[in-house]
Amino acid sequence: MTAHSPQASRGRFVNLSYTHRYLAAVAGYAFSYVMYALEAGSAPGR
């Protein structure tokens, strides 16, 4: 165990949290875009 262990784990946790937040934002944006594309594509078909 070194004195840098807690800081390293905390930095890793922050990076993981930031990555998850980024992926969640991208997933939400992609989902909304796909739903909009499907709705726009199916509208003229009716």
N, C-alpha and C. Protein backbone atom coordinates (compact mmCIF):
# COMPACT_ATOMS: atom_id res chain seq x y z
N MET A 1 0.84 -1.20 0.00
CA MET A 1 0.00 0.00 0.00
C MET A 1 0.88 1.25 0.00
N THR A 2 0.59 2.16 -0.87
CA THR A 2 1.36 3.40 -0.92
C THR A 2 0.44 4.57 -0.56
N ALA A 3 1.02 5.73 -0.34
CA ALA A 3 0.23 6.91 0.04
C ALA A 3 -0.58 7.41 -1.15
N HIS A 4 -0.19 6.99 -2.36
CA HIS A 4 -0.90 7.47 -3.55
C HIS A 4 -2.10 6.60 -3.89
N SER A 5 -2.30 5.52 -3.15
CA SER A 5 -3.37 4.60 -3.48
C SER A 5 -4.76 5.26 -3.42
N PRO A 6 -5.10 5.95 -2.33
CA PRO A 6 -6.44 6.55 -2.27
C PRO A 6 -6.67 7.57 -3.38
N GLN A 7 -5.66 8.38 -3.66
CA GLN A 7 -5.82 9.40 -4.70
C GLN A 7 -6.00 8.74 -6.07
N ALA A 8 -5.24 7.68 -6.31
CA ALA A 8 -5.33 6.99 -7.60
C ALA A 8 -6.72 6.38 -7.77
N SER A 9 -7.21 5.73 -6.71
CA SER A 9 -8.53 5.10 -6.80
C SER A 9 -9.60 6.17 -6.97
N ARG A 10 -9.43 7.30 -6.29
CA ARG A 10 -10.42 8.38 -6.41
C ARG A 10 -10.40 8.95 -7.83
N GLY A 11 -9.21 9.12 -8.39
CA GLY A 11 -9.10 9.62 -9.75
C GLY A 11 -9.74 8.65 -10.74
N ARG A 12 -9.52 7.35 -10.50
CA ARG A 12 -10.11 6.35 -11.38
C ARG A 12 -11.64 6.41 -11.26
N PHE A 13 -12.13 6.58 -10.04
CA PHE A 13 -13.58 6.65 -9.82
C PHE A 13 -14.17 7.87 -10.54
N VAL A 14 -13.47 8.99 -10.45
CA VAL A 14 -13.94 10.21 -11.11
C VAL A 14 -13.97 10.00 -12.62
N ASN A 15 -12.92 9.38 -13.16
CA ASN A 15 -12.88 9.14 -14.61
C ASN A 15 -14.02 8.21 -15.02
N LEU A 16 -14.26 7.18 -14.20
CA LEU A 16 -15.33 6.23 -14.51
C LEU A 16 -16.68 6.94 -14.48
N SER A 17 -16.87 7.78 -13.45
CA SER A 17 -18.13 8.49 -13.33
C SER A 17 -18.32 9.43 -14.52
N TYR A 18 -17.27 10.14 -14.90
CA TYR A 18 -17.35 11.06 -16.04
C TYR A 18 -17.64 10.30 -17.33
N THR A 19 -17.00 9.15 -17.50
CA THR A 19 -17.22 8.35 -18.70
C THR A 19 -18.67 7.86 -18.75
N HIS A 20 -19.18 7.39 -17.61
CA HIS A 20 -20.56 6.90 -17.59
C HIS A 20 -21.53 8.04 -17.90
N ARG A 21 -21.24 9.23 -17.35
CA ARG A 21 -22.12 10.38 -17.60
C ARG A 21 -22.09 10.73 -19.08
N TYR A 22 -20.89 10.68 -19.69
CA TYR A 22 -20.75 11.01 -21.11
C TYR A 22 -21.49 9.99 -21.98
N LEU A 23 -21.32 8.70 -21.63
CA LEU A 23 -21.99 7.65 -22.40
C LEU A 23 -23.51 7.78 -22.26
N ALA A 24 -23.96 8.12 -21.05
CA ALA A 24 -25.40 8.26 -20.83
C ALA A 24 -25.95 9.41 -21.68
N ALA A 25 -25.20 10.50 -21.77
CA ALA A 25 -25.64 11.65 -22.57
C ALA A 25 -25.68 11.27 -24.04
N VAL A 26 -24.66 10.59 -24.51
CA VAL A 26 -24.60 10.18 -25.92
C VAL A 26 -25.73 9.20 -26.23
N ALA A 27 -25.97 8.26 -25.31
CA ALA A 27 -27.03 7.27 -25.52
C ALA A 27 -28.40 7.97 -25.58
N GLY A 28 -28.61 8.92 -24.68
CA GLY A 28 -29.88 9.64 -24.68
C GLY A 28 -30.07 10.44 -25.97
N TYR A 29 -29.00 11.08 -26.43
CA TYR A 29 -29.07 11.87 -27.66
C TYR A 29 -29.34 10.96 -28.86
N ALA A 30 -28.64 9.83 -28.91
CA ALA A 30 -28.82 8.89 -30.02
C ALA A 30 -30.24 8.32 -30.00
N PHE A 31 -30.74 8.01 -28.80
CA PHE A 31 -32.09 7.45 -28.68
C PHE A 31 -33.13 8.45 -29.18
N SER A 32 -33.00 9.71 -28.75
CA SER A 32 -33.96 10.73 -29.17
C SER A 32 -33.87 10.95 -30.69
N TYR A 33 -32.65 10.90 -31.22
CA TYR A 33 -32.47 11.11 -32.66
C TYR A 33 -33.11 9.96 -33.44
N VAL A 34 -32.92 8.73 -32.97
CA VAL A 34 -33.50 7.56 -33.65
C VAL A 34 -35.02 7.64 -33.59
N MET A 35 -35.56 7.98 -32.43
CA MET A 35 -37.02 8.08 -32.30
C MET A 35 -37.56 9.16 -33.25
N TYR A 36 -36.86 10.28 -33.34
CA TYR A 36 -37.28 11.37 -34.24
C TYR A 36 -37.20 10.91 -35.69
N ALA A 37 -36.13 10.19 -36.04
CA ALA A 37 -35.96 9.72 -37.41
C ALA A 37 -37.06 8.72 -37.76
N LEU A 38 -37.37 7.82 -36.83
CA LEU A 38 -38.41 6.82 -37.10
C LEU A 38 -39.77 7.52 -37.25
N GLU A 39 -40.04 8.48 -36.39
CA GLU A 39 -41.33 9.18 -36.45
C GLU A 39 -41.43 9.98 -37.75
N ALA A 40 -40.35 10.66 -38.11
CA ALA A 40 -40.36 11.47 -39.33
C ALA A 40 -40.45 10.56 -40.57
N GLY A 41 -39.81 9.39 -40.50
CA GLY A 41 -39.82 8.48 -41.64
C GLY A 41 -41.17 7.80 -41.80
N SER A 42 -41.87 7.54 -40.69
CA SER A 42 -43.14 6.83 -40.78
C SER A 42 -44.30 7.78 -41.06
N ALA A 43 -44.12 9.07 -40.79
CA ALA A 43 -45.21 10.03 -40.99
C ALA A 43 -45.65 10.10 -42.46
N PRO A 44 -44.73 10.29 -43.42
CA PRO A 44 -45.15 10.37 -44.83
C PRO A 44 -45.76 9.06 -45.33
N GLY A 45 -45.38 7.94 -44.73
CA GLY A 45 -45.88 6.64 -45.16
C GLY A 45 -47.38 6.54 -44.93
N ARG A 46 -47.87 7.19 -43.89
CA ARG A 46 -49.31 7.14 -43.63
C ARG A 46 -50.00 8.00 -44.64
